């Protein structure tokens, strides 16, 4: 039988008063307690009923989300990675090797533009959840029944979702309300036939048998791989949780120093012939406020509460000479303002390493010992190992919808580069390919058209030509005194056809008829040669 958790806790304060603290506030720090006391980061107390139905995440997503509020570098890393991966714009490009139809392109663009909050913002929020908690989801909203096409995509907060053991159903819980979803493309039985799930009960039903308001919507699920779970991903920050809490402790230490107005810790020693309180603990008449220890502590507290004030300690002595020595020895006299500065940097670097984000992406500018920087190399590694894999997952999910829901196979969705340096590099490479006759003007316009608002004239044949250093290939052949490719073979075949040298008519080439044909062909060859010479001269 499961024990009920108390709704509140009574906490006493230093001044003897007390306060009522909610259970949720106490559980907020559970992840820290687990890390510090037991060495385990796995969380159990997230308020969900798992049992034989739902699968428990490796780490409580709600408490992982709390880490975003207590560490600047972790929050900035999640934000910059999600922004870079989600992009600021998008394009619809033809599938390589296929000639895309205008109808398919219009259909794809209409769907993407119909997304209310913008496809880039939706993808960014999912990537943010995935970076912070290890997984993210996008809800697919259809026109009506199960067979109708999607009309919108909406982000759904991932920390509110839990996976069913069947790997298909997902439940969202907000307070006492629950709603069921299904993983897109996974709701099929043993025979491969699709089925629906009731949004309120999570029960399976015949495909397209539920009303739109009863049917569970589908989710595009994305996660970072971990061998420990096939249902939930592993947040990148998990290995750096200790660094985050170490940095929190460092901040608390320095904050306490300033709260005490820079008052260092003192050790007070009293030596010599002095009179202390003559009562001992346990005596019915014992009063702690009469002891020297209490009086000295009160004096020090008064100085802390009133900075720059003087401390006065009166010690009653024995005898007339009053041989009493008082020492206030600071336990630590170094400057506290920059305490643990290197420790903070180490913690910061560990968080950045966990996310694989270069410091300059979150506003940290550092130079090497010789004044140099590895920004360019760090950018390439960051782009290839962090941003591009996330962008690839995003593009694959959207193109999956375009293929399965709209039957669009000749156009594909792409996220525009967010870094202008990447775009300039693409332009440079494309320019070299164009100058070496590896790309046509039409291919250049198709690749860069969306970025710069370019549109190719479908009736202009010169856009399909190849150029070397700006010169068309056929003009280059003429200027070099070389016949265009294929000219010789065409003339030879024409000569063979006219003279009948192939097949059963080959013997005619020696007769009068054969000589006449050869003469006619020689005249044709001469005319072609004159035409080529004339074109070269112009």
Protein backbone atom coordinates (compact mmCIF):
# COMPACT_ATOMS: atom_id res chain seq x y z
CA UNK A 1 0.00 0.00 0.00
CA UNK A 2 1.40 3.35 -1.04
CA UNK A 3 1.83 5.91 1.71
CA UNK A 4 0.38 9.35 1.22
CA UNK A 5 2.83 12.23 1.20
CA UNK A 6 2.23 15.12 3.60
CA UNK A 7 1.00 18.29 1.98
CA UNK A 8 3.23 20.59 4.03
CA UNK A 9 6.17 20.69 6.42
CA UNK A 10 6.77 22.82 9.51
CA UNK A 11 10.18 24.47 9.42
CA UNK A 12 11.64 26.34 12.37
CA UNK A 13 13.83 29.41 11.93
CA UNK A 14 16.87 30.64 13.81
CA UNK A 15 14.87 33.23 15.69
CA UNK A 16 12.55 30.58 17.13
CA UNK A 17 9.64 31.29 14.79
CA UNK A 18 8.23 28.74 12.36
CA UNK A 19 6.78 28.63 8.86
CA UNK A 20 4.65 26.27 6.78
CA UNK A 21 6.40 25.03 3.62
CA UNK A 22 4.52 23.20 0.84
CA UNK A 23 5.53 19.70 -0.20
CA UNK A 24 6.21 20.86 -3.74
CA UNK A 25 8.79 23.35 -2.51
CA UNK A 26 10.59 20.65 -0.54
CA UNK A 27 10.59 18.22 -3.49
CA UNK A 28 12.04 20.95 -5.68
CA UNK A 29 15.47 20.23 -4.21
CA UNK A 30 15.21 16.45 -4.37
CA UNK A 31 17.67 16.17 -7.25
CA UNK A 32 20.30 17.99 -5.20
CA UNK A 33 19.70 15.80 -2.18
CA UNK A 34 20.06 12.64 -4.24
CA UNK A 35 23.26 13.83 -5.82
CA UNK A 36 24.85 15.01 -2.60
CA UNK A 37 23.80 12.30 -0.15
CA UNK A 38 23.43 9.04 -2.03
CA UNK A 39 25.54 9.53 -5.12
CA UNK A 40 22.59 8.60 -7.37
CA UNK A 41 21.02 11.08 -9.76
CA UNK A 42 18.00 8.93 -10.61
CA UNK A 43 14.75 10.40 -9.34
CA UNK A 44 11.67 8.55 -8.14
CA UNK A 45 9.40 11.10 -6.53
CA UNK A 46 7.77 12.80 -9.53
CA UNK A 47 4.14 12.14 -8.56
CA UNK A 48 3.28 9.78 -11.43
CA UNK A 49 1.74 6.31 -11.09
CA UNK A 50 3.86 3.99 -13.24
CA UNK A 51 3.14 0.39 -12.28
CA UNK A 52 2.58 -1.88 -15.30
CA UNK A 53 1.33 0.87 -17.61
CA UNK A 54 3.71 3.79 -17.88
CA UNK A 55 7.49 3.83 -18.11
CA UNK A 56 9.47 6.01 -15.73
CA UNK A 57 12.02 8.42 -17.22
CA UNK A 58 15.64 8.00 -16.25
CA UNK A 59 15.55 11.46 -14.63
CA UNK A 60 12.58 13.53 -13.52
CA UNK A 61 12.02 15.99 -16.41
CA UNK A 62 10.39 18.57 -14.13
CA UNK A 63 13.45 18.74 -11.91
CA UNK A 64 15.77 18.76 -14.91
CA UNK A 65 13.82 21.81 -16.06
CA UNK A 66 14.62 23.43 -12.72
CA UNK A 67 18.31 23.33 -13.60
CA UNK A 68 17.60 25.90 -16.31
CA UNK A 69 16.70 28.40 -13.60
CA UNK A 70 19.79 27.97 -11.44
CA UNK A 71 22.60 27.89 -14.01
CA UNK A 72 23.12 30.62 -16.58
CA UNK A 73 25.44 28.64 -18.84
CA UNK A 74 23.15 25.60 -19.03
CA UNK A 75 20.15 27.76 -19.95
CA UNK A 76 22.12 29.69 -22.58
CA UNK A 77 23.50 26.50 -24.14
CA UNK A 78 20.01 25.03 -24.49
CA UNK A 79 18.76 28.27 -26.01
CA UNK A 80 21.55 28.74 -28.55
CA UNK A 81 21.55 25.11 -29.71
CA UNK A 82 17.76 25.11 -30.12
CA UNK A 83 17.87 28.42 -32.03
CA UNK A 84 20.65 27.26 -34.35
CA UNK A 85 19.00 23.88 -35.01
CA UNK A 86 15.49 25.27 -35.46
CA UNK A 87 16.73 27.98 -37.80
CA UNK A 88 15.24 31.36 -38.63
CA UNK A 89 13.82 30.47 -42.04
CA UNK A 90 13.09 27.54 -44.33
CA UNK A 91 13.08 26.59 -48.00
CA UNK A 92 11.42 24.01 -50.24
CA UNK A 93 14.05 22.58 -52.60
CA UNK A 94 13.82 19.97 -55.35
CA UNK A 95 14.93 16.46 -54.50
CA UNK A 96 18.34 15.83 -56.12
CA UNK A 97 17.99 14.01 -59.41
CA UNK A 98 14.29 14.79 -59.75
CA UNK A 99 12.47 17.59 -61.54
CA UNK A 100 9.92 18.97 -59.09
CA UNK A 101 6.45 19.92 -60.24
CA UNK A 102 5.03 23.34 -59.42
CA UNK A 103 1.87 21.77 -57.96
CA UNK A 104 3.83 19.74 -55.41
CA UNK A 105 5.91 22.73 -54.37
CA UNK A 106 2.83 24.90 -53.86
CA UNK A 107 1.18 22.17 -51.79
CA UNK A 108 4.27 21.82 -49.55
CA UNK A 109 4.62 25.57 -49.08
CA UNK A 110 0.94 25.97 -48.22
CA UNK A 111 1.20 23.35 -45.47
CA UNK A 112 4.36 24.87 -43.94
CA UNK A 113 2.98 28.41 -44.10
CA UNK A 114 -0.29 27.27 -42.49
CA UNK A 115 1.51 26.37 -39.25
CA UNK A 116 0.23 29.02 -36.91
CA UNK A 117 3.31 29.76 -34.80
CA UNK A 118 5.81 29.16 -37.60
CA UNK A 119 7.67 25.94 -38.31
CA UNK A 120 11.00 27.33 -37.09
CA UNK A 121 9.58 28.33 -33.68
CA UNK A 122 7.87 24.96 -33.27
CA UNK A 123 11.08 23.08 -34.07
CA UNK A 124 13.09 25.40 -31.81
CA UNK A 125 10.88 24.63 -28.80
CA UNK A 126 11.12 20.90 -29.39
CA UNK A 127 14.91 21.13 -29.69
CA UNK A 128 15.02 23.18 -26.46
CA UNK A 129 13.13 20.44 -24.60
CA UNK A 130 15.33 17.79 -26.14
CA UNK A 131 18.46 19.63 -25.02
CA UNK A 132 17.18 20.24 -21.49
CA UNK A 133 15.38 16.92 -20.83
CA UNK A 134 16.60 14.50 -23.49
CA UNK A 135 13.43 14.35 -25.58
CA UNK A 136 10.88 16.61 -27.26
CA UNK A 137 7.56 16.32 -29.08
CA UNK A 138 5.39 18.11 -31.64
CA UNK A 139 1.65 17.55 -31.83
CA UNK A 140 0.07 16.89 -35.25
CA UNK A 141 -3.39 18.39 -35.68
CA UNK A 142 -5.50 16.97 -38.49
CA UNK A 143 -8.36 18.50 -40.40
CA UNK A 144 -10.93 16.17 -38.84
CA UNK A 145 -11.04 12.38 -38.96
CA UNK A 146 -8.04 10.06 -38.98
CA UNK A 147 -7.61 10.01 -42.76
CA UNK A 148 -7.67 13.77 -43.21
CA UNK A 149 -4.37 15.61 -43.84
CA UNK A 150 -2.56 17.62 -41.13
CA UNK A 151 -3.39 21.31 -40.90
CA UNK A 152 -1.12 22.43 -38.06
CA UNK A 153 1.87 21.49 -35.91
CA UNK A 154 2.04 22.56 -32.26
CA UNK A 155 4.79 22.17 -29.66
CA UNK A 156 3.81 20.27 -26.50
CA UNK A 157 5.81 20.70 -23.23
CA UNK A 158 7.82 17.51 -22.89
CA UNK A 159 8.14 17.44 -19.10
CA UNK A 160 4.39 16.74 -18.92
CA UNK A 161 4.60 13.59 -21.09
CA UNK A 162 5.13 9.93 -20.14
CA UNK A 163 5.49 6.94 -22.47
CA UNK A 164 3.34 3.81 -22.36
CA UNK A 165 5.06 0.45 -22.26
CA UNK A 166 3.68 -0.48 -25.69
CA UNK A 167 5.92 2.21 -27.24
CA UNK A 168 2.94 3.72 -29.05
CA UNK A 169 0.82 5.64 -26.56
CA UNK A 170 1.86 8.75 -24.66
CA UNK A 171 -0.03 10.45 -21.83
CA UNK A 172 0.05 14.10 -20.81
CA UNK A 173 -0.81 15.00 -17.22
CA UNK A 174 -1.60 18.50 -15.98
CA UNK A 175 -2.94 18.54 -12.43
CA UNK A 176 -5.73 15.97 -12.30
CA UNK A 177 -6.39 15.99 -16.08
CA UNK A 178 -4.85 13.52 -18.52
CA UNK A 179 -4.85 13.36 -22.33
CA UNK A 180 -3.57 10.51 -24.50
CA UNK A 181 -1.52 10.73 -27.69
CA UNK A 182 0.13 8.26 -30.07
CA UNK A 183 3.56 8.26 -31.69
CA UNK A 184 3.19 9.13 -35.37
CA UNK A 185 3.45 6.07 -37.61
CA UNK A 186 3.61 3.60 -34.69
CA UNK A 187 -0.12 2.99 -34.13
CA UNK A 188 -0.32 -0.31 -36.06
CA UNK A 189 -1.31 -3.77 -34.91
CA UNK A 190 0.47 -7.09 -35.50
CA UNK A 191 -0.91 -7.24 -39.04
CA UNK A 192 0.30 -3.75 -39.88
CA UNK A 193 -3.15 -2.19 -39.83
CA UNK A 194 -3.49 1.26 -38.20
CA UNK A 195 -5.73 1.89 -35.22
CA UNK A 196 -6.94 4.88 -33.23
CA UNK A 197 -6.62 5.68 -29.52
CA UNK A 198 -9.24 7.42 -27.42
CA UNK A 199 -7.90 10.75 -26.17
CA UNK A 200 -9.58 10.49 -22.74
CA UNK A 201 -9.22 6.78 -21.90
CA UNK A 202 -6.17 5.69 -23.91
CA UNK A 203 -8.13 2.66 -25.22
CA UNK A 204 -7.54 1.33 -28.76
CA UNK A 205 -10.30 1.60 -31.38
CA UNK A 206 -10.82 0.77 -35.04
CA UNK A 207 -9.05 3.18 -37.37
CA UNK A 208 -11.14 6.23 -38.35
CA UNK A 209 -14.00 5.12 -36.06
CA UNK A 210 -13.71 7.91 -33.46
CA UNK A 211 -15.00 11.44 -33.77
CA UNK A 212 -12.34 14.14 -34.15
CA UNK A 213 -12.81 15.32 -30.57
CA UNK A 214 -12.42 11.75 -29.27
CA UNK A 215 -9.39 10.68 -31.31
CA UNK A 216 -5.90 11.02 -29.79
CA UNK A 217 -3.60 13.28 -31.80
CA UNK A 218 -0.20 12.07 -33.00
CA UNK A 219 3.23 13.19 -31.86
CA UNK A 220 6.49 13.61 -33.73
CA UNK A 221 8.85 12.30 -31.04
CA UNK A 222 12.54 13.21 -30.98
CA UNK A 223 15.18 12.23 -28.43
CA UNK A 224 18.90 11.91 -27.77
CA UNK A 225 20.04 8.31 -27.80
CA UNK A 226 20.94 6.49 -24.60
CA UNK A 227 21.46 2.71 -24.20
CA UNK A 228 19.52 2.85 -20.94
CA UNK A 229 16.15 3.62 -22.52
CA UNK A 230 14.40 3.16 -25.87
CA UNK A 231 11.61 5.53 -24.91
CA UNK A 232 13.28 8.51 -23.23
CA UNK A 233 16.50 10.25 -24.20
CA UNK A 234 19.30 11.37 -21.94
CA UNK A 235 19.72 15.11 -21.38
CA UNK A 236 23.18 16.36 -22.31
CA UNK A 237 23.51 18.17 -19.00
CA UNK A 238 23.20 15.06 -16.80
CA UNK A 239 26.97 14.42 -16.54
CA UNK A 240 27.41 18.06 -15.46
CA UNK A 241 24.75 18.11 -12.71
CA UNK A 242 27.39 18.01 -9.98
CA UNK A 243 29.18 20.95 -11.59
CA UNK A 244 25.94 22.95 -11.58
CA UNK A 245 25.32 22.32 -7.91
CA UNK A 246 28.97 22.94 -7.11
CA UNK A 247 28.65 26.33 -8.74
CA UNK A 248 25.44 26.97 -6.80
CA UNK A 249 27.27 26.25 -3.55
CA UNK A 250 30.06 28.60 -4.59
CA UNK A 251 27.53 31.36 -5.25
CA UNK A 252 25.83 30.75 -1.91
CA UNK A 253 29.18 31.00 -0.12
CA UNK A 254 30.08 34.32 -1.70
CA UNK A 255 26.56 35.64 -1.14
CA UNK A 256 26.79 34.82 2.55
CA UNK A 257 30.05 36.77 2.75
CA UNK A 258 28.43 39.91 1.37
CA UNK A 259 25.38 39.44 3.56
CA UNK A 260 27.78 39.59 6.51
CA UNK A 261 29.28 42.82 5.11
CA UNK A 262 32.62 41.15 4.63
CA UNK A 263 32.97 40.25 8.30
CA UNK A 264 35.52 37.42 8.47
CA UNK A 265 35.10 34.41 10.72
CA UNK A 266 36.72 35.00 14.14
CA UNK A 267 38.10 32.77 16.83
CA UNK A 268 37.80 34.54 20.20
CA UNK A 269 40.16 33.37 22.95
CA UNK A 270 40.16 34.63 26.56
CA UNK A 271 43.12 33.75 28.78
CA UNK A 272 44.31 34.79 32.25
CA UNK A 273 42.67 35.38 35.60
CA UNK A 274 39.05 36.19 34.86
CA UNK A 275 35.71 35.47 36.42
CA UNK A 276 33.16 33.54 34.42
CA UNK A 277 29.63 32.55 35.31
CA UNK A 278 29.71 30.38 38.43
CA UNK A 279 26.77 28.22 37.37
CA UNK A 280 27.20 25.14 35.23
CA UNK A 281 24.79 23.60 32.69
CA UNK A 282 22.29 21.40 34.51
CA UNK A 283 22.04 23.68 37.49
CA UNK A 284 18.43 24.84 38.03
CA UNK A 285 19.65 28.42 38.30
CA UNK A 286 21.85 28.23 35.17
CA UNK A 287 21.30 31.14 32.74
CA UNK A 288 23.16 30.95 29.47
CA UNK A 289 22.85 34.68 28.90
CA UNK A 290 25.18 35.28 31.87
CA UNK A 291 28.08 33.35 30.35
CA UNK A 292 31.04 35.06 28.68
CA UNK A 293 30.53 32.93 25.58
CA UNK A 294 27.04 34.28 25.09
CA UNK A 295 28.04 37.90 25.79
CA UNK A 296 30.94 37.77 23.32
CA UNK A 297 28.79 36.16 20.63
CA UNK A 298 26.18 38.88 21.05
CA UNK A 299 28.85 41.55 20.66
CA UNK A 300 30.07 40.02 17.39
CA UNK A 301 26.51 39.72 16.05
CA UNK A 302 25.99 43.38 16.84
CA UNK A 303 29.05 44.30 14.75
CA UNK A 304 27.75 42.19 11.86
CA UNK A 305 24.38 43.93 12.01
CA UNK A 306 26.05 47.35 12.26
CA UNK A 307 29.07 47.44 9.96
CA UNK A 308 32.11 49.49 10.97
CA UNK A 309 30.93 49.73 14.59
CA UNK A 310 33.27 49.00 17.48
CA UNK A 311 33.24 45.87 19.60
CA UNK A 312 33.48 46.15 23.37
CA UNK A 313 34.12 43.11 25.50
CA UNK A 314 34.22 43.52 29.31
CA UNK A 315 35.87 40.65 31.15
CA UNK A 316 35.68 40.68 34.98
CA UNK A 317 39.12 39.78 36.30
CA UNK A 318 40.31 38.22 39.53
CA UNK A 319 42.69 40.27 41.61
CA UNK A 320 43.79 43.86 41.35
CA UNK A 321 46.17 43.59 38.40
CA UNK A 322 43.58 42.07 36.07
CA UNK A 323 45.87 39.74 34.15
CA UNK A 324 43.45 38.93 31.27
CA UNK A 325 44.29 38.53 27.58
CA UNK A 326 41.66 38.65 24.82
CA UNK A 327 42.44 37.70 21.20
CA UNK A 328 40.15 38.00 18.20
CA UNK A 329 41.90 35.97 15.53
CA UNK A 330 40.43 36.02 12.00
CA UNK A 331 40.21 32.48 10.66
CA UNK A 332 40.44 33.64 7.06
CA UNK A 333 41.78 37.05 6.06
CA UNK A 334 42.08 36.77 2.25
CA UNK A 335 39.74 38.73 0.00
CA UNK A 336 36.44 36.89 -0.53
CA UNK A 337 35.08 38.92 -3.41
CA UNK A 338 36.60 36.62 -6.02
CA UNK A 339 36.58 33.41 -4.02
CA UNK A 340 36.43 30.23 -6.10
CA UNK A 341 36.86 32.14 -9.35
CA UNK A 342 38.77 29.26 -10.93
CA UNK A 343 36.25 26.81 -9.52
CA UNK A 344 33.48 28.75 -11.22
CA UNK A 345 35.35 28.64 -14.53
CA UNK A 346 35.88 24.89 -14.21
CA UNK A 347 32.18 24.36 -13.55
CA UNK A 348 31.28 26.60 -16.47
CA UNK A 349 33.60 24.73 -18.83
CA UNK A 350 32.15 21.39 -17.75
CA UNK A 351 28.64 22.58 -18.63
CA UNK A 352 29.84 23.89 -22.00
CA UNK A 353 31.62 20.62 -22.69
CA UNK A 354 28.49 18.63 -21.85
CA UNK A 355 26.59 20.62 -24.47
CA UNK A 356 29.57 20.82 -26.87
CA UNK A 357 28.94 24.53 -27.33
CA UNK A 358 31.89 26.91 -27.92
CA UNK A 359 32.03 29.74 -25.42
CA UNK A 360 31.65 32.54 -27.95
CA UNK A 361 28.16 31.23 -28.87
CA UNK A 362 26.90 32.27 -25.43
CA UNK A 363 28.87 35.50 -25.20
CA UNK A 364 32.13 34.27 -23.64
CA UNK A 365 35.15 35.71 -25.46
CA UNK A 366 38.48 34.25 -24.51
CA UNK A 367 41.86 34.47 -26.21
CA UNK A 368 44.79 32.13 -26.02
CA UNK A 369 48.11 32.75 -24.33
CA UNK A 370 49.48 34.32 -27.53
CA UNK A 371 46.36 36.35 -28.25
CA UNK A 372 44.96 33.91 -30.82
CA UNK A 373 41.59 32.19 -31.01
CA UNK A 374 40.25 28.91 -32.39
CA UNK A 375 36.78 30.32 -33.15
CA UNK A 376 36.69 29.15 -36.79
CA UNK A 377 37.63 25.58 -35.95
CA UNK A 378 35.26 25.51 -32.99
CA UNK A 379 32.46 26.76 -35.24
CA UNK A 380 32.99 23.95 -37.74
CA UNK A 381 33.03 21.28 -35.04
CA UNK A 382 29.96 22.75 -33.33
CA UNK A 383 28.05 22.97 -36.61
CA UNK A 384 28.91 19.43 -37.73
CA UNK A 385 28.56 17.61 -34.40
CA UNK A 386 25.72 19.52 -32.70
CA UNK A 387 23.61 21.64 -35.05
CA UNK A 388 23.51 19.54 -38.23
CA UNK A 389 22.35 16.29 -36.54
CA UNK A 390 19.45 18.15 -34.90
CA UNK A 391 18.61 19.93 -38.15
CA UNK A 392 18.69 16.61 -39.98
CA UNK A 393 16.19 15.10 -37.52
CA UNK A 394 13.92 18.13 -37.90
CA UNK A 395 14.02 18.02 -41.69
CA UNK A 396 13.44 14.28 -41.80
CA UNK A 397 10.30 14.57 -39.66
CA UNK A 398 8.78 17.32 -41.81
CA UNK A 399 9.69 15.54 -45.05
CA UNK A 400 8.18 12.36 -43.60
CA UNK A 401 4.88 14.22 -43.28
CA UNK A 402 5.18 15.66 -46.80
CA UNK A 403 5.71 12.18 -48.28
CA UNK A 404 3.14 10.22 -46.27
CA UNK A 405 0.40 12.82 -45.87
CA UNK A 406 0.66 14.86 -49.08
CA UNK A 407 2.41 12.42 -51.45
CA UNK A 408 5.17 14.96 -52.17
CA UNK A 409 8.31 13.11 -53.24
CA UNK A 410 9.93 15.58 -55.64
CA UNK A 411 10.40 18.46 -53.16
CA UNK A 412 11.92 18.52 -49.69
CA UNK A 413 11.86 20.83 -46.67
CA UNK A 414 15.16 22.40 -45.59
CA UNK A 415 16.13 24.70 -42.72
CA UNK A 416 18.05 27.77 -43.83
CA UNK A 417 21.51 28.32 -42.44
CA UNK A 418 21.47 30.64 -39.43
CA UNK A 419 25.16 31.53 -39.67
CA UNK A 420 25.86 33.97 -42.53
CA UNK A 421 29.40 32.67 -42.73
CA UNK A 422 28.04 29.30 -43.87
CA UNK A 423 25.94 30.98 -46.55
CA UNK A 424 28.92 32.96 -47.84
CA UNK A 425 30.94 29.75 -47.96
CA UNK A 426 28.17 28.09 -49.99
CA UNK A 427 28.11 31.00 -52.41
CA UNK A 428 31.88 30.79 -52.83
CA UNK A 429 31.79 27.06 -53.57
CA UNK A 430 28.82 27.42 -55.93
CA UNK A 431 30.65 30.18 -57.80
CA UNK A 432 33.66 27.93 -58.34
CA UNK A 433 31.42 25.10 -59.56
CA UNK A 434 29.69 27.46 -61.99
CA UNK A 435 33.01 28.74 -63.37
CA UNK A 436 34.20 25.15 -63.92
CA UNK A 437 31.03 24.18 -65.84
CA UNK A 438 29.81 21.95 -63.00
CA UNK A 439 26.59 23.93 -62.38
CA UNK A 440 24.14 25.71 -64.65
CA UNK A 441 22.56 29.13 -63.94
CA UNK A 442 19.23 27.43 -63.38
CA UNK A 443 20.74 25.16 -60.70
CA UNK A 444 22.24 28.21 -58.99
CA UNK A 445 18.88 29.97 -58.97
CA UNK A 446 17.12 26.88 -57.59
CA UNK A 447 19.64 26.60 -54.74
CA UNK A 448 19.85 30.27 -53.75
CA UNK A 449 16.52 31.51 -55.07
CA UNK A 450 14.61 31.26 -51.78
CA UNK A 451 17.31 33.16 -49.91
CA UNK A 452 17.50 36.09 -52.32
CA UNK A 453 14.06 36.04 -53.94
CA UNK A 454 15.32 34.76 -57.31
CA UNK A 455 13.15 33.00 -59.88
CA UNK A 456 14.34 31.34 -63.08
CA UNK A 457 12.67 31.99 -66.43
CA UNK A 458 11.29 28.62 -67.51
CA UNK A 459 11.53 29.60 -71.24
CA UNK A 460 15.13 30.79 -71.23
CA UNK A 461 17.31 28.02 -72.75
CA UNK A 462 20.57 29.70 -71.80
CA UNK A 463 19.92 28.99 -68.12
CA UNK A 464 20.46 25.30 -68.85
CA UNK A 465 23.87 25.83 -70.46
CA UNK A 466 27.25 25.19 -68.82
CA UNK A 467 29.90 27.91 -68.76
CA UNK A 468 33.65 27.94 -68.20
CA UNK A 469 34.81 31.24 -66.75
CA UNK A 470 31.64 32.86 -68.09
CA UNK A 471 32.04 31.51 -71.64
CA UNK A 472 29.46 29.01 -72.99
CA UNK A 473 30.93 25.63 -73.78
CA UNK A 474 29.89 25.64 -77.45
CA UNK A 475 31.51 29.06 -77.97
CA UNK A 476 34.63 27.79 -76.25
CA UNK A 477 34.84 24.84 -78.66
CA UNK A 478 34.56 27.17 -81.65
CA UNK A 479 37.17 29.65 -80.35
CA UNK A 480 39.58 26.79 -79.72
CA UNK A 481 39.11 25.44 -83.25
CA UNK A 482 37.46 22.29 -82.00
CA UNK A 483 34.13 20.94 -83.23
CA UNK A 484 31.43 20.71 -80.56
CA UNK A 485 31.23 17.32 -78.80
CA UNK A 486 29.53 14.68 -80.98
CA UNK A 487 29.89 16.54 -84.29
CA UNK A 488 32.41 14.08 -85.76
CA UNK A 489 30.46 10.98 -84.79
CA UNK A 490 27.25 12.41 -86.25
CA UNK A 491 28.92 13.20 -89.57
CA UNK A 492 30.53 9.74 -89.74
CA UNK A 493 27.20 8.02 -89.11
CA UNK A 494 25.52 10.18 -91.76
CA UNK A 495 28.26 9.29 -94.21
CA UNK A 496 27.88 5.60 -93.46
CA UNK A 497 24.10 5.77 -93.84
CA UNK A 498 24.31 7.60 -97.17
CA UNK A 499 27.09 5.46 -98.64
CA UNK A 500 25.54 2.20 -97.47
CA UNK A 501 28.74 0.79 -96.03
CA UNK A 502 26.85 -0.99 -93.26
CA UNK A 503 24.93 -4.19 -93.75
CA UNK A 504 23.96 -5.74 -97.07
CA UNK A 505 24.32 -2.55 -99.15
CA UNK A 506 28.05 -2.16 -98.56
CA UNK A 507 28.92 -3.35 -102.07
CA UNK A 508 27.17 -0.34 -103.63
CA UNK A 509 29.93 1.97 -102.39
CA UNK A 510 32.17 0.89 -105.28
CA UNK A 511 29.65 1.55 -108.08
CA UNK A 512 28.44 4.67 -109.83
CA UNK A 513 25.66 5.12 -107.27
CA UNK A 514 28.15 4.86 -104.44
CA UNK A 515 30.41 7.51 -105.96
CA UNK A 516 27.45 9.85 -106.39
CA UNK A 517 26.49 9.44 -102.74
CA UNK A 518 30.07 10.14 -101.66
CA UNK A 519 30.19 13.27 -103.76
CA UNK A 520 26.95 14.46 -102.20
CA UNK A 521 28.25 13.79 -98.73
CA UNK A 522 31.52 15.61 -99.45
CA UNK A 523 29.50 18.64 -100.53
CA UNK A 524 27.51 18.40 -97.26
CA UNK A 525 30.71 18.13 -95.25
CA UNK A 526 32.11 21.20 -96.98
CA UNK A 527 28.97 23.21 -96.15
CA UNK A 528 29.12 22.17 -92.47
CA UNK A 529 32.80 23.13 -92.35
CA UNK A 530 32.07 26.53 -93.92
CA UNK A 531 29.30 27.13 -91.38
CA UNK A 532 31.60 26.30 -88.47
CA UNK A 533 34.34 28.56 -89.88
CA UNK A 534 31.87 31.41 -90.28
CA UNK A 535 30.67 31.00 -86.67
CA UNK A 536 34.27 31.06 -85.41
CA UNK A 537 34.95 34.32 -87.22
CA UNK A 538 31.95 35.99 -85.57
